C-alpha atoms as a PDB file:
ATOM      1  CA  UNK A   1      94.553  81.583 104.037  1.00  0.00           C
ATOM      2  CA  UNK A   2      94.740  84.187 101.359  1.00  0.00           C
ATOM      3  CA  UNK A   3      97.709  84.019  99.024  1.00  0.00           C
ATOM      4  CA  UNK A   4      98.709  85.442  95.315  1.00  0.00           C
ATOM      5  CA  UNK A   5     101.554  87.461  94.134  1.00  0.00           C
ATOM      6  CA  UNK A   6     103.258  90.582  94.090  1.00  0.00           C
ATOM      7  CA  UNK A   7     106.272  91.366  91.155  1.00  0.00           C
ATOM      8  CA  UNK A   8     107.370  93.664  88.737  1.00  0.00           C
ATOM      9  CA  UNK A   9     105.985  90.855  86.001  1.00  0.00           C
ATOM     10  CA  UNK A  10     103.216  89.209  87.000  1.00  0.00           C
ATOM     11  CA  UNK A  11     103.870  86.677  84.416  1.00  0.00           C
ATOM     12  CA  UNK A  12     107.733  85.791  85.942  1.00  0.00           C
ATOM     13  CA  UNK A  13     106.767  86.879  89.588  1.00  0.00           C
ATOM     14  CA  UNK A  14     108.664  85.741  92.396  1.00  0.00           C
ATOM     15  CA  UNK A  15     107.531  87.750  95.036  1.00  0.00           C
ATOM     16  CA  UNK A  16     104.480  85.909  96.810  1.00  0.00           C
ATOM     17  CA  UNK A  17     102.116  86.783  99.373  1.00  0.00           C
ATOM     18  CA  UNK A  18      99.710  85.416 102.001  1.00  0.00           C
ATOM     19  CA  UNK A  19      97.451  86.473 104.375  1.00  0.00           C
ATOM     20  CA  UNK A  20      96.638  84.738 107.830  1.00  0.00           C
ATOM     21  CA  UNK A  21      92.586  86.088 109.077  1.00  0.00           C
ATOM     22  CA  UNK A  22      92.987  84.556 112.340  1.00  0.00           C
ATOM     23  CA  UNK A  23      96.532  86.358 113.065  1.00  0.00           C
ATOM     24  CA  UNK A  24      96.084  89.736 110.567  1.00  0.00           C
ATOM     25  CA  UNK A  25      99.036  89.232 109.590  1.00  0.00           C
ATOM     26  CA  UNK A  26     100.602  89.704 106.108  1.00  0.00           C
ATOM     27  CA  UNK A  27     103.608  87.848 104.951  1.00  0.00           C
ATOM     28  CA  UNK A  28     105.317  88.712 101.816  1.00  0.00           C
ATOM     29  CA  UNK A  29     107.609  86.223 100.612  1.00  0.00           C
ATOM     30  CA  UNK A  30     109.652  84.927  97.285  1.00  0.00           C
ATOM     31  CA  UNK A  31     112.560  86.972  96.172  1.00  0.00           C
ATOM     32  CA  UNK A  32     113.050  90.206  93.971  1.00  0.00           C
ATOM     33  CA  UNK A  33     111.403  93.646  93.865  1.00  0.00           C
ATOM     34  CA  UNK A  34     107.865  94.129  94.770  1.00  0.00           C
ATOM     35  CA  UNK A  35     105.652  95.647  92.215  1.00  0.00           C
ATOM     36  CA  UNK A  36     104.420  99.272  92.210  1.00  0.00           C
ATOM     37  CA  UNK A  37     100.778  99.973  93.554  1.00  0.00           C
ATOM     38  CA  UNK A  38      98.158 102.911  93.274  1.00  0.00           C
ATOM     39  CA  UNK A  39      96.491 103.428  96.429  1.00  0.00           C
ATOM     40  CA  UNK A  40      92.805 104.242  95.893  1.00  0.00           C
ATOM     41  CA  UNK A  41      92.252 106.411  98.742  1.00  0.00           C
ATOM     42  CA  UNK A  42      95.209 108.276  98.269  1.00  0.00           C
ATOM     43  CA  UNK A  43      94.764 111.810  98.708  1.00  0.00           C
ATOM     44  CA  UNK A  44      94.504 114.198  95.257  1.00  0.00           C
ATOM     45  CA  UNK A  45      96.813 117.449  95.749  1.00  0.00           C
ATOM     46  CA  UNK A  46      94.533 119.632  93.478  1.00  0.00           C
ATOM     47  CA  UNK A  47      96.275 122.761  94.585  1.00  0.00           C
ATOM     48  CA  UNK A  48     100.537 122.605  93.830  1.00  0.00           C
ATOM     49  CA  UNK A  49     102.666 124.146  96.966  1.00  0.00           C
ATOM     50  CA  UNK A  50     103.330 128.010  96.137  1.00  0.00           C
ATOM     51  CA  UNK A  51     105.874 130.936  97.543  1.00  0.00           C
ATOM     52  CA  UNK A  52     102.795 131.448 100.059  1.00  0.00           C
ATOM     53  CA  UNK A  53     102.907 127.607 101.278  1.00  0.00           C
ATOM     54  CA  UNK A  54      99.477 127.039 100.219  1.00  0.00           C
ATOM     55  CA  UNK A  55      98.482 123.440 100.221  1.00  0.00           C
ATOM     56  CA  UNK A  56      94.949 122.191  99.334  1.00  0.00           C
ATOM     57  CA  UNK A  57      94.103 118.751 101.422  1.00  0.00           C
ATOM     58  CA  UNK A  58      90.356 118.845  99.746  1.00  0.00           C
ATOM     59  CA  UNK A  59      89.886 115.896  97.598  1.00  0.00           C
ATOM     60  CA  UNK A  60      90.054 112.130  98.363  1.00  0.00           C
ATOM     61  CA  UNK A  61      90.313 110.066  94.889  1.00  0.00           C
ATOM     62  CA  UNK A  62      92.267 107.545  93.224  1.00  0.00           C
ATOM     63  CA  UNK A  63      95.423 108.459  91.369  1.00  0.00           C
ATOM     64  CA  UNK A  64      95.561 105.728  89.010  1.00  0.00           C
ATOM     65  CA  UNK A  65      99.421 105.758  87.650  1.00  0.00           C
ATOM     66  CA  UNK A  66     100.229 104.080  84.476  1.00  0.00           C
ATOM     67  CA  UNK A  67     101.080 100.843  84.973  1.00  0.00           C
ATOM     68  CA  UNK A  68     100.485 100.723  88.600  1.00  0.00           C
ATOM     69  CA  UNK A  69      97.279  98.568  89.818  1.00  0.00           C
ATOM     70  CA  UNK A  70      95.736  98.409  93.611  1.00  0.00           C
ATOM     71  CA  UNK A  71      97.796  96.366  95.598  1.00  0.00           C
ATOM     72  CA  UNK A  72      95.289  92.848  96.140  1.00  0.00           C
ATOM     73  CA  UNK A  73      95.372  93.027  99.809  1.00  0.00           C
ATOM     74  CA  UNK A  74      94.229  96.497 100.367  1.00  0.00           C
ATOM     75  CA  UNK A  75      90.744  95.722 101.939  1.00  0.00           C
ATOM     76  CA  UNK A  76      92.055  93.039 104.514  1.00  0.00           C
ATOM     77  CA  UNK A  77      92.007  93.631 108.007  1.00  0.00           C
ATOM     78  CA  UNK A  78      96.132  93.477 108.611  1.00  0.00           C
ATOM     79  CA  UNK A  79      97.778  94.260 111.812  1.00  0.00           C
ATOM     80  CA  UNK A  80     100.940  93.028 110.991  1.00  0.00           C
ATOM     81  CA  UNK A  81     103.391  92.769 107.685  1.00  0.00           C
ATOM     82  CA  UNK A  82     105.603  90.263 107.435  1.00  0.00           C
ATOM     83  CA  UNK A  83     108.531  90.683 104.413  1.00  0.00           C
ATOM     84  CA  UNK A  84     110.604  87.631 103.874  1.00  0.00           C
ATOM     85  CA  UNK A  85     114.486  88.420 103.871  1.00  0.00           C
ATOM     86  CA  UNK A  86     114.799  87.690 100.028  1.00  0.00           C
ATOM     87  CA  UNK A  87     112.526  90.673  99.111  1.00  0.00           C
ATOM     88  CA  UNK A  88     114.269  93.372  97.241  1.00  0.00           C
ATOM     89  CA  UNK A  89     112.051  96.346  97.728  1.00  0.00           C
ATOM     90  CA  UNK A  90     109.336  97.538  98.860  1.00  0.00           C
ATOM     91  CA  UNK A  91     106.952  99.146  95.941  1.00  0.00           C
ATOM     92  CA  UNK A  92     105.652 102.071  95.797  1.00  0.00           C
ATOM     93  CA  UNK A  93     102.057 102.302  97.488  1.00  0.00           C
ATOM     94  CA  UNK A  94     102.492  99.060  98.811  1.00  0.00           C
ATOM     95  CA  UNK A  95     100.733  99.254 101.675  1.00  0.00           C
ATOM     96  CA  UNK A  96      99.380 102.854 102.013  1.00  0.00           C
ATOM     97  CA  UNK A  97      96.186 103.155 103.824  1.00  0.00           C
ATOM     98  CA  UNK A  98      96.168  99.812 105.826  1.00  0.00           C
ATOM     99  CA  UNK A  99      94.667 101.617 109.067  1.00  0.00           C
ATOM    100  CA  UNK A 100      94.868  98.666 111.079  1.00  0.00           C
ATOM    101  CA  UNK A 101      98.744  98.151 110.094  1.00  0.00           C
ATOM    102  CA  UNK A 102     100.746  98.277 113.548  1.00  0.00           C
ATOM    103  CA  UNK A 103     104.034  97.334 113.257  1.00  0.00           C
ATOM    104  CA  UNK A 104     106.375  96.324 110.237  1.00  0.00           C
ATOM    105  CA  UNK A 105     109.741  94.931 110.428  1.00  0.00           C
ATOM    106  CA  UNK A 106     112.424  95.829 107.189  1.00  0.00           C
ATOM    107  CA  UNK A 107     114.515  93.299 107.023  1.00  0.00           C
ATOM    108  CA  UNK A 108     118.200  93.169 105.747  1.00  0.00           C
ATOM    109  CA  UNK A 109     117.364  92.448 102.119  1.00  0.00           C
ATOM    110  CA  UNK A 110     115.447  95.670 101.798  1.00  0.00           C
ATOM    111  CA  UNK A 111     117.507  98.777 100.114  1.00  0.00           C
ATOM    112  CA  UNK A 112     114.817 100.617  98.736  1.00  0.00           C
ATOM    113  CA  UNK A 113     111.130 102.061 100.320  1.00  0.00           C
ATOM    114  CA  UNK A 114     109.010 103.427  97.632  1.00  0.00           C
ATOM    115  CA  UNK A 115     107.208 106.232  97.146  1.00  0.00           C
ATOM    116  CA  UNK A 116     104.313 106.441  99.637  1.00  0.00           C
ATOM    117  CA  UNK A 117     104.994 102.773 100.599  1.00  0.00           C
ATOM    118  CA  UNK A 118     102.871 103.226 103.751  1.00  0.00           C
ATOM    119  CA  UNK A 119     101.268 106.781 103.536  1.00  0.00           C
ATOM    120  CA  UNK A 120      98.639 107.040 105.585  1.00  0.00           C
ATOM    121  CA  UNK A 121      98.686 103.839 108.103  1.00  0.00           C
ATOM    122  CA  UNK A 122      97.030 105.959 110.876  1.00  0.00           C
ATOM    123  CA  UNK A 123      97.662 103.183 113.456  1.00  0.00           C
ATOM    124  CA  UNK A 124     101.246 102.007 112.594  1.00  0.00           C
ATOM    125  CA  UNK A 125     103.129 102.991 116.190  1.00  0.00           C
ATOM    126  CA  UNK A 126     106.691 100.145 114.935  1.00  0.00           C
ATOM    127  CA  UNK A 127     109.133 100.233 112.338  1.00  0.00           C
ATOM    128  CA  UNK A 128     112.076  98.640 111.956  1.00  0.00           C
ATOM    129  CA  UNK A 129     114.264 100.028 109.576  1.00  0.00           C
ATOM    130  CA  UNK A 130     117.346  97.731 108.790  1.00  0.00           C
ATOM    131  CA  UNK A 131     120.747  99.265 108.086  1.00  0.00           C
ATOM    132  CA  UNK A 132     120.926  98.158 104.304  1.00  0.00           C
ATOM    133  CA  UNK A 133     118.204 100.446 103.373  1.00  0.00           C
ATOM    134  CA  UNK A 134     119.171 103.175 101.273  1.00  0.00           C
ATOM    135  CA  UNK A 135     116.594 104.884  99.616  1.00  0.00           C
ATOM    136  CA  UNK A 136     113.199 106.314 101.722  1.00  0.00           C
ATOM    137  CA  UNK A 137     111.183 107.553  98.837  1.00  0.00           C
ATOM    138  CA  UNK A 138     109.394 110.875  98.723  1.00  0.00           C
ATOM    139  CA  UNK A 139     105.799 110.302 100.823  1.00  0.00           C
ATOM    140  CA  UNK A 140     107.211 106.605 102.532  1.00  0.00           C
ATOM    141  CA  UNK A 141     105.312 107.090 105.877  1.00  0.00           C
ATOM    142  CA  UNK A 142     103.499 110.175 105.092  1.00  0.00           C
ATOM    143  CA  UNK A 143     100.543 110.698 107.457  1.00  0.00           C
ATOM    144  CA  UNK A 144     101.261 107.566 110.090  1.00  0.00           C
ATOM    145  CA  UNK A 145     100.136 109.663 112.638  1.00  0.00           C
ATOM    146  CA  UNK A 146     100.617 106.905 115.623  1.00  0.00           C
ATOM    147  CA  UNK A 147     104.194 106.700 114.637  1.00  0.00           C
ATOM    148  CA  UNK A 148     106.070 108.477 117.815  1.00  0.00           C
ATOM    149  CA  UNK A 149     109.665 108.006 116.953  1.00  0.00           C
ATOM    150  CA  UNK A 150     111.498 106.671 114.297  1.00  0.00           C
ATOM    151  CA  UNK A 151     115.684 105.931 114.103  1.00  0.00           C
ATOM    152  CA  UNK A 152     116.998 105.951 110.923  1.00  0.00           C
ATOM    153  CA  UNK A 153     120.059 103.280 110.498  1.00  0.00           C
ATOM    154  CA  UNK A 154     123.359 103.930 109.495  1.00  0.00           C
ATOM    155  CA  UNK A 155     123.337 102.972 106.074  1.00  0.00           C
ATOM    156  CA  UNK A 156     120.890 105.123 104.663  1.00  0.00           C
ATOM    157  CA  UNK A 157     121.720 107.634 102.015  1.00  0.00           C
ATOM    158  CA  UNK A 158     118.434 109.768 101.165  1.00  0.00           C
ATOM    159  CA  UNK A 159     114.995 110.597 102.453  1.00  0.00           C
ATOM    160  CA  UNK A 160     112.570 111.873 100.145  1.00  0.00           C
ATOM    161  CA  UNK A 161     110.364 114.736 100.504  1.00  0.00           C
ATOM    162  CA  UNK A 162     107.529 114.605 103.293  1.00  0.00           C
ATOM    163  CA  UNK A 163     108.911 111.208 103.488  1.00  0.00           C
ATOM    164  CA  UNK A 164     107.344 111.435 107.523  1.00  0.00           C
ATOM    165  CA  UNK A 165     105.428 114.225 107.002  1.00  0.00           C
ATOM    166  CA  UNK A 166     102.316 114.790 109.571  1.00  0.00           C
ATOM    167  CA  UNK A 167     103.240 111.616 111.469  1.00  0.00           C
ATOM    168  CA  UNK A 168     103.112 111.499 115.283  1.00  0.00           C
ATOM    169  CA  UNK A 169     107.179 111.569 115.608  1.00  0.00           C
ATOM    170  CA  UNK A 170     108.580 113.866 118.408  1.00  0.00           C
ATOM    171  CA  UNK A 171     112.023 112.222 118.166  1.00  0.00           C
ATOM    172  CA  UNK A 172     114.236 111.250 115.373  1.00  0.00           C
ATOM    173  CA  UNK A 173     118.046 110.251 114.823  1.00  0.00           C
ATOM    174  CA  UNK A 174     119.701 110.696 111.465  1.00  0.00           C
ATOM    175  CA  UNK A 175     122.927 109.120 110.593  1.00  0.00           C
ATOM    176  CA  UNK A 176     126.411 109.946 108.954  1.00  0.00           C
ATOM    177  CA  UNK A 177     125.808 108.240 106.309  1.00  0.00           C
ATOM    178  CA  UNK A 178     122.951 110.642 105.087  1.00  0.00           C
ATOM    179  CA  UNK A 179     123.438 112.602 102.039  1.00  0.00           C
ATOM    180  CA  UNK A 180     120.063 113.717 101.003  1.00  0.00           C
ATOM    181  CA  UNK A 181     117.403 115.342 102.567  1.00  0.00           C
ATOM    182  CA  UNK A 182     114.710 116.689 100.722  1.00  0.00           C
ATOM    183  CA  UNK A 183     112.368 119.090 102.175  1.00  0.00           C
ATOM    184  CA  UNK A 184     109.773 118.614 104.184  1.00  0.00           C
ATOM    185  CA  UNK A 185     110.549 115.128 105.352  1.00  0.00           C
ATOM    186  CA  UNK A 186     109.075 116.244 108.839  1.00  0.00           C
ATOM    187  CA  UNK A 187     107.102 118.694 108.277  1.00  0.00           C
ATOM    188  CA  UNK A 188     104.146 118.927 110.328  1.00  0.00           C
ATOM    189  CA  UNK A 189     105.105 116.697 113.082  1.00  0.00           C
ATOM    190  CA  UNK A 190     105.307 117.570 116.703  1.00  0.00           C
ATOM    191  CA  UNK A 191     109.368 117.508 116.964  1.00  0.00           C
ATOM    192  CA  UNK A 192     111.100 117.884 120.292  1.00  0.00           C
ATOM    193  CA  UNK A 193     114.792 116.500 119.318  1.00  0.00           C
ATOM    194  CA  UNK A 194     116.556 116.022 116.259  1.00  0.00           C
ATOM    195  CA  UNK A 195     119.919 113.513 116.829  1.00  0.00           C
ATOM    196  CA  UNK A 196     121.922 114.172 113.517  1.00  0.00           C
ATOM    197  CA  UNK A 197     125.583 112.685 113.099  1.00  0.00           C
ATOM    198  CA  UNK A 198     124.964 114.373 109.535  1.00  0.00           C
ATOM    199  CA  UNK A 199     127.893 116.332 107.972  1.00  0.00           C
ATOM    200  CA  UNK A 200     126.636 116.934 104.668  1.00  0.00           C
ATOM    201  CA  UNK A 201     125.222 120.642 103.719  1.00  0.00           C
ATOM    202  CA  UNK A 202     122.267 118.996 102.063  1.00  0.00           C
ATOM    203  CA  UNK A 203     121.339 118.171 105.571  1.00  0.00           C
ATOM    204  CA  UNK A 204     119.835 121.588 106.848  1.00  0.00           C
ATOM    205  CA  UNK A 205     117.557 122.554 109.624  1.00  0.00           C
ATOM    206  CA  UNK A 206     115.260 124.195 107.183  1.00  0.00           C
ATOM    207  CA  UNK A 207     115.208 120.455 105.047  1.00  0.00           C
ATOM    208  CA  UNK A 208     114.056 119.130 108.521  1.00  0.00           C
ATOM    209  CA  UNK A 209     111.670 121.224 109.694  1.00  0.00           C
ATOM    210  CA  UNK A 210     110.023 123.011 106.766  1.00  0.00           C
ATOM    211  CA  UNK A 211     106.183 122.994 106.089  1.00  0.00           C
ATOM    212  CA  UNK A 212     103.728 123.994 104.066  1.00  0.00           C
ATOM    213  CA  UNK A 213     101.912 125.975 106.648  1.00  0.00           C
ATOM    214  CA  UNK A 214     103.479 128.830 108.214  1.00  0.00           C
ATOM    215  CA  UNK A 215     101.403 128.972 111.174  1.00  0.00           C
ATOM    216  CA  UNK A 216     103.097 125.256 112.089  1.00  0.00           C
ATOM    217  CA  UNK A 217     105.899 126.129 114.315  1.00  0.00           C
ATOM    218  CA  UNK A 218     108.586 123.041 114.934  1.00  0.00           C
ATOM    219  CA  UNK A 219     110.561 123.699 118.765  1.00  0.00           C
ATOM    220  CA  UNK A 220     113.701 121.030 118.037  1.00  0.00           C
ATOM    221  CA  UNK A 221     117.021 120.751 119.299  1.00  0.00           C
ATOM    222  CA  UNK A 222     119.348 119.704 116.499  1.00  0.00           C
ATOM    223  CA  UNK A 223     122.307 117.986 117.394  1.00  0.00           C
ATOM    224  CA  UNK A 224     125.062 118.203 114.859  1.00  0.00           C
ATOM    225  CA  UNK A 225     127.925 115.397 115.763  1.00  0.00           C
ATOM    226  CA  UNK A 226     130.744 116.850 113.384  1.00  0.00           C
ATOM    227  CA  UNK A 227     134.066 114.907 112.356  1.00  0.00           C
ATOM    228  CA  UNK A 228     136.921 117.259 112.272  1.00  0.00           C
ATOM    229  CA  UNK A 229     138.047 115.244 109.395  1.00  0.00           C
ATOM    230  CA  UNK A 230     135.098 116.864 107.386  1.00  0.00           C
ATOM    231  CA  UNK A 231     136.527 119.992 107.491  1.00  0.00           C
ATOM    232  CA  UNK A 232     138.991 121.699 105.158  1.00  0.00           C
ATOM    233  CA  UNK A 233     141.488 124.339 104.841  1.00  0.00           C
ATOM    234  CA  UNK A 234     139.195 127.397 103.180  1.00  0.00           C
END
């Protein structure tokens, strides 16, 4: 059993972790917010997107963000992550690049999923997101290619840029609570159906389906369930 701490300030850390090698389960316990991490195998985007939608995936380097360290479990063989009920946030890059990770349950205590928290978890098949999550940050589940279906629960208000980009998602449900869906949220996904109950102007087919590569074609049926209470006289 391997143990350690993971908090915003390690000298006063209330978030702990332990790893069971026999079951390949990582448990995050304690209380409070998780620390933000740098992902050591993160793609380096050497060419920013432009009006021509050009995007360069050409380099793999360590991106060392100021004040962020590499998570202590990054080299462990992890198939499942269990997060305790008193943990409040999932830190940026916390589980990025865990290629053997298959499932994660995000409990009721979590209200924020940080930038790139699960990006490049290529074996991730199951994510259970609680209704207390308000924000799913940029690139949170980017390139989780085994993730086929995602239900965004009622309560989520923001989905960041490319949050689910290049996942294997063919079905997505979006709640009426959603206020902000940033561009490229589902770019590169083989979407077949989008079920949307959102009524806000920032949630559009463009923000759902736009991608960097104009050759990527998205065919989706978008179902809007609009309440008449949302309409006002012109």
